[in-house]
Amino acid sequence: SARVSSGPWLSLSYQTFEFEEGPLDYLPHTMEPHLRKLGMPVELKNGIVNLTMPFKICEDGDTLTVDQAKLLKLFGHTTVEFRVHPRCYWNSKGEFEVLATRDEPTGEKEAADVEIEDAEDDE
């Protein structure tokens, strides 16, 4: 089972996500107990998962609970934006290049003067 961090990283909802009362016929009947356990008011009617009343998973700006995050995942909605800010890389010539740092404005940087020695040369 997945572990959820209680550290400084909180998941915030960036949109309101709600369902109207009625059938959720795109879900298999086996999902009904799991959805109920996560707090959704559902029941089975003729083998179809039905929402017994309107249900709001989250509102814009809410700090998500574990159950809310699981429900959003089940319905294919992600609320996390993943960003990577590279600071350096190896170019195609085998040279180490340093990019702009956080303190510097974005733009081109000259290649760093870094000597790379093979472990074999140390012998």
C-alpha atoms as a PDB file:
ATOM      1  CA  SER A   1       0.000   0.000   0.000  1.00  0.00           C
ATOM      2  CA  ALA A   2       1.121   3.536  -0.692  1.00  0.00           C
ATOM      3  CA  ARG A   3       2.365   5.774   2.089  1.00  0.00           C
ATOM      4  CA  VAL A   4       1.387   9.403   2.240  1.00  0.00           C
ATOM      5  CA  SER A   5       3.856  11.929   3.563  1.00  0.00           C
ATOM      6  CA  SER A   6       2.731  14.211   6.334  1.00  0.00           C
ATOM      7  CA  GLY A   7       5.695  16.472   5.653  1.00  0.00           C
ATOM      8  CA  PRO A   8       5.716  19.943   4.157  1.00  0.00           C
ATOM      9  CA  TRP A   9       4.314  18.778   0.819  1.00  0.00           C
ATOM     10  CA  LEU A  10       0.569  19.204   0.860  1.00  0.00           C
ATOM     11  CA  SER A  11      -1.586  18.472  -2.141  1.00  0.00           C
ATOM     12  CA  LEU A  12      -3.931  21.308  -2.995  1.00  0.00           C
ATOM     13  CA  SER A  13      -6.885  21.001  -5.297  1.00  0.00           C
ATOM     14  CA  TYR A  14      -6.815  23.358  -8.262  1.00  0.00           C
ATOM     15  CA  GLN A  15     -10.413  22.710  -9.262  1.00  0.00           C
ATOM     16  CA  THR A  16     -13.779  21.694  -7.880  1.00  0.00           C
ATOM     17  CA  PHE A  17     -14.641  18.095  -8.695  1.00  0.00           C
ATOM     18  CA  GLU A  18     -18.181  16.893  -8.082  1.00  0.00           C
ATOM     19  CA  PHE A  19     -20.677  14.266  -9.252  1.00  0.00           C
ATOM     20  CA  GLU A  20     -24.412  14.448  -9.767  1.00  0.00           C
ATOM     21  CA  GLU A  21     -26.662  11.775  -8.301  1.00  0.00           C
ATOM     22  CA  GLY A  22     -27.119   8.804 -10.614  1.00  0.00           C
ATOM     23  CA  PRO A  23     -25.418   5.834 -12.227  1.00  0.00           C
ATOM     24  CA  LEU A  24     -21.658   5.579 -12.618  1.00  0.00           C
ATOM     25  CA  ASP A  25     -22.069   2.919 -15.296  1.00  0.00           C
ATOM     26  CA  TYR A  26     -18.485   3.220 -16.514  1.00  0.00           C
ATOM     27  CA  LEU A  27     -17.252   1.710 -13.227  1.00  0.00           C
ATOM     28  CA  PRO A  28     -17.225  -2.041 -12.590  1.00  0.00           C
ATOM     29  CA  HIS A  29     -19.566  -3.281  -9.866  1.00  0.00           C
ATOM     30  CA  THR A  30     -16.564  -4.459  -7.853  1.00  0.00           C
ATOM     31  CA  MET A  31     -15.593  -0.812  -7.195  1.00  0.00           C
ATOM     32  CA  GLU A  32     -18.702  -0.137  -5.078  1.00  0.00           C
ATOM     33  CA  PRO A  33     -17.322  -1.293  -1.691  1.00  0.00           C
ATOM     34  CA  HIS A  34     -14.058   0.573  -2.273  1.00  0.00           C
ATOM     35  CA  LEU A  35     -15.862   3.807  -3.199  1.00  0.00           C
ATOM     36  CA  ARG A  36     -18.091   3.488  -0.133  1.00  0.00           C
ATOM     37  CA  LYS A  37     -15.020   2.988   2.053  1.00  0.00           C
ATOM     38  CA  LEU A  38     -13.555   6.208   0.602  1.00  0.00           C
ATOM     39  CA  GLY A  39     -16.695   8.121   1.588  1.00  0.00           C
ATOM     40  CA  MET A  40     -18.800   8.157  -1.569  1.00  0.00           C
ATOM     41  CA  PRO A  41     -22.530   7.509  -1.030  1.00  0.00           C
ATOM     42  CA  VAL A  42     -22.905   4.665  -3.531  1.00  0.00           C
ATOM     43  CA  GLU A  43     -24.982   1.510  -3.871  1.00  0.00           C
ATOM     44  CA  LEU A  44     -25.432  -1.251  -6.426  1.00  0.00           C
ATOM     45  CA  LYS A  45     -28.631  -1.295  -8.501  1.00  0.00           C
ATOM     46  CA  ASN A  46     -28.888  -4.119 -11.023  1.00  0.00           C
ATOM     47  CA  GLY A  47     -25.100  -4.510 -11.000  1.00  0.00           C
ATOM     48  CA  ILE A  48     -24.448  -0.809 -11.704  1.00  0.00           C
ATOM     49  CA  VAL A  49     -22.730   1.513  -9.236  1.00  0.00           C
ATOM     50  CA  ASN A  50     -25.101   4.390  -8.402  1.00  0.00           C
ATOM     51  CA  LEU A  51     -24.406   7.600  -6.526  1.00  0.00           C
ATOM     52  CA  THR A  52     -27.307   8.048  -4.101  1.00  0.00           C
ATOM     53  CA  MET A  53     -26.883  11.825  -3.733  1.00  0.00           C
ATOM     54  CA  PRO A  54     -24.718  14.584  -5.256  1.00  0.00           C
ATOM     55  CA  PHE A  55     -21.133  14.251  -4.041  1.00  0.00           C
ATOM     56  CA  LYS A  56     -18.278  16.749  -4.064  1.00  0.00           C
ATOM     57  CA  ILE A  57     -14.795  15.242  -3.824  1.00  0.00           C
ATOM     58  CA  CYS A  58     -13.032  18.583  -3.384  1.00  0.00           C
ATOM     59  CA  GLU A  59     -13.254  22.308  -3.989  1.00  0.00           C
ATOM     60  CA  ASP A  60     -10.730  24.630  -5.557  1.00  0.00           C
ATOM     61  CA  GLY A  61      -8.043  25.445  -2.971  1.00  0.00           C
ATOM     62  CA  ASP A  62      -8.826  22.556  -0.585  1.00  0.00           C
ATOM     63  CA  THR A  63      -5.974  20.692   1.052  1.00  0.00           C
ATOM     64  CA  LEU A  64      -6.644  17.126  -0.075  1.00  0.00           C
ATOM     65  CA  THR A  65      -7.103  14.280   2.351  1.00  0.00           C
ATOM     66  CA  VAL A  66      -5.754  10.832   1.558  1.00  0.00           C
ATOM     67  CA  ASP A  67      -9.253   9.606   0.630  1.00  0.00           C
ATOM     68  CA  GLN A  68      -9.865  12.598  -1.661  1.00  0.00           C
ATOM     69  CA  ALA A  69      -6.544  11.978  -3.417  1.00  0.00           C
ATOM     70  CA  LYS A  70      -7.420   8.295  -3.884  1.00  0.00           C
ATOM     71  CA  LEU A  71     -10.819   9.193  -5.361  1.00  0.00           C
ATOM     72  CA  LEU A  72      -9.287  11.697  -7.754  1.00  0.00           C
ATOM     73  CA  LYS A  73      -6.769   9.065  -8.846  1.00  0.00           C
ATOM     74  CA  LEU A  74      -9.552   6.515  -9.408  1.00  0.00           C
ATOM     75  CA  PHE A  75     -11.375   8.963 -11.670  1.00  0.00           C
ATOM     76  CA  GLY A  76      -8.209   9.895 -13.576  1.00  0.00           C
ATOM     77  CA  HIS A  77      -7.808  13.465 -12.311  1.00  0.00           C
ATOM     78  CA  THR A  78      -4.364  14.585 -11.259  1.00  0.00           C
ATOM     79  CA  THR A  79      -3.832  17.688  -9.161  1.00  0.00           C
ATOM     80  CA  VAL A  80      -0.066  17.675  -9.040  1.00  0.00           C
ATOM     81  CA  GLU A  81       2.180  19.613 -11.357  1.00  0.00           C
ATOM     82  CA  PHE A  82       5.680  18.177 -11.656  1.00  0.00           C
ATOM     83  CA  ARG A  83       8.458  20.533 -12.695  1.00  0.00           C
ATOM     84  CA  VAL A  84      12.151  19.916 -13.253  1.00  0.00           C
ATOM     85  CA  HIS A  85      14.655  22.747 -13.250  1.00  0.00           C
ATOM     86  CA  PRO A  86      17.950  21.355 -14.548  1.00  0.00           C
ATOM     87  CA  ARG A  87      21.044  23.168 -13.352  1.00  0.00           C
ATOM     88  CA  CYS A  88      23.581  21.323 -15.468  1.00  0.00           C
ATOM     89  CA  TYR A  89      23.929  18.554 -18.051  1.00  0.00           C
ATOM     90  CA  TRP A  90      26.371  16.596 -20.178  1.00  0.00           C
ATOM     91  CA  ASN A  91      26.198  17.804 -23.784  1.00  0.00           C
ATOM     92  CA  SER A  92      26.662  15.626 -26.877  1.00  0.00           C
ATOM     93  CA  LYS A  93      30.397  16.454 -26.955  1.00  0.00           C
ATOM     94  CA  GLY A  94      30.876  14.973 -23.497  1.00  0.00           C
ATOM     95  CA  GLU A  95      31.297  18.385 -21.886  1.00  0.00           C
ATOM     96  CA  PHE A  96      29.673  19.378 -18.620  1.00  0.00           C
ATOM     97  CA  GLU A  97      27.523  22.511 -18.993  1.00  0.00           C
ATOM     98  CA  VAL A  98      26.055  24.625 -16.202  1.00  0.00           C
ATOM     99  CA  LEU A  99      22.745  26.356 -16.837  1.00  0.00           C
ATOM    100  CA  ALA A 100      21.364  29.431 -15.071  1.00  0.00           C
ATOM    101  CA  THR A 101      21.054  29.004 -11.326  1.00  0.00           C
ATOM    102  CA  ARG A 102      18.081  30.094  -9.232  1.00  0.00           C
ATOM    103  CA  ASP A 103      19.777  33.411  -8.414  1.00  0.00           C
ATOM    104  CA  GLU A 104      20.512  34.216 -12.047  1.00  0.00           C
ATOM    105  CA  PRO A 105      18.014  35.123 -14.752  1.00  0.00           C
ATOM    106  CA  THR A 106      17.286  32.471 -17.329  1.00  0.00           C
ATOM    107  CA  GLY A 107      19.565  32.566 -20.323  1.00  0.00           C
ATOM    108  CA  GLU A 108      22.583  30.875 -21.773  1.00  0.00           C
ATOM    109  CA  LYS A 109      25.591  30.167 -19.582  1.00  0.00           C
ATOM    110  CA  GLU A 110      29.049  29.323 -20.772  1.00  0.00           C
ATOM    111  CA  ALA A 111      30.216  25.762 -20.361  1.00  0.00           C
ATOM    112  CA  ALA A 112      31.797  25.104 -16.991  1.00  0.00           C
ATOM    113  CA  ASP A 113      35.513  24.457 -16.936  1.00  0.00           C
ATOM    114  CA  VAL A 114      35.357  21.095 -15.262  1.00  0.00           C
ATOM    115  CA  GLU A 115      38.036  18.484 -15.654  1.00  0.00           C
ATOM    116  CA  ILE A 116      36.779  14.935 -15.635  1.00  0.00           C
ATOM    117  CA  GLU A 117      39.293  12.284 -14.776  1.00  0.00           C
ATOM    118  CA  ASP A 118      38.716   8.625 -15.310  1.00  0.00           C
ATOM    119  CA  ALA A 119      39.176   6.311 -12.356  1.00  0.00           C
ATOM    120  CA  GLU A 120      41.840   4.526 -14.384  1.00  0.00           C
ATOM    121  CA  ASP A 121      43.999   7.655 -14.405  1.00  0.00           C
ATOM    122  CA  ASP A 122      44.152   7.633 -10.595  1.00  0.00           C
ATOM    123  CA  GLU A 123      46.212   4.440 -10.544  1.00  0.00           C
END
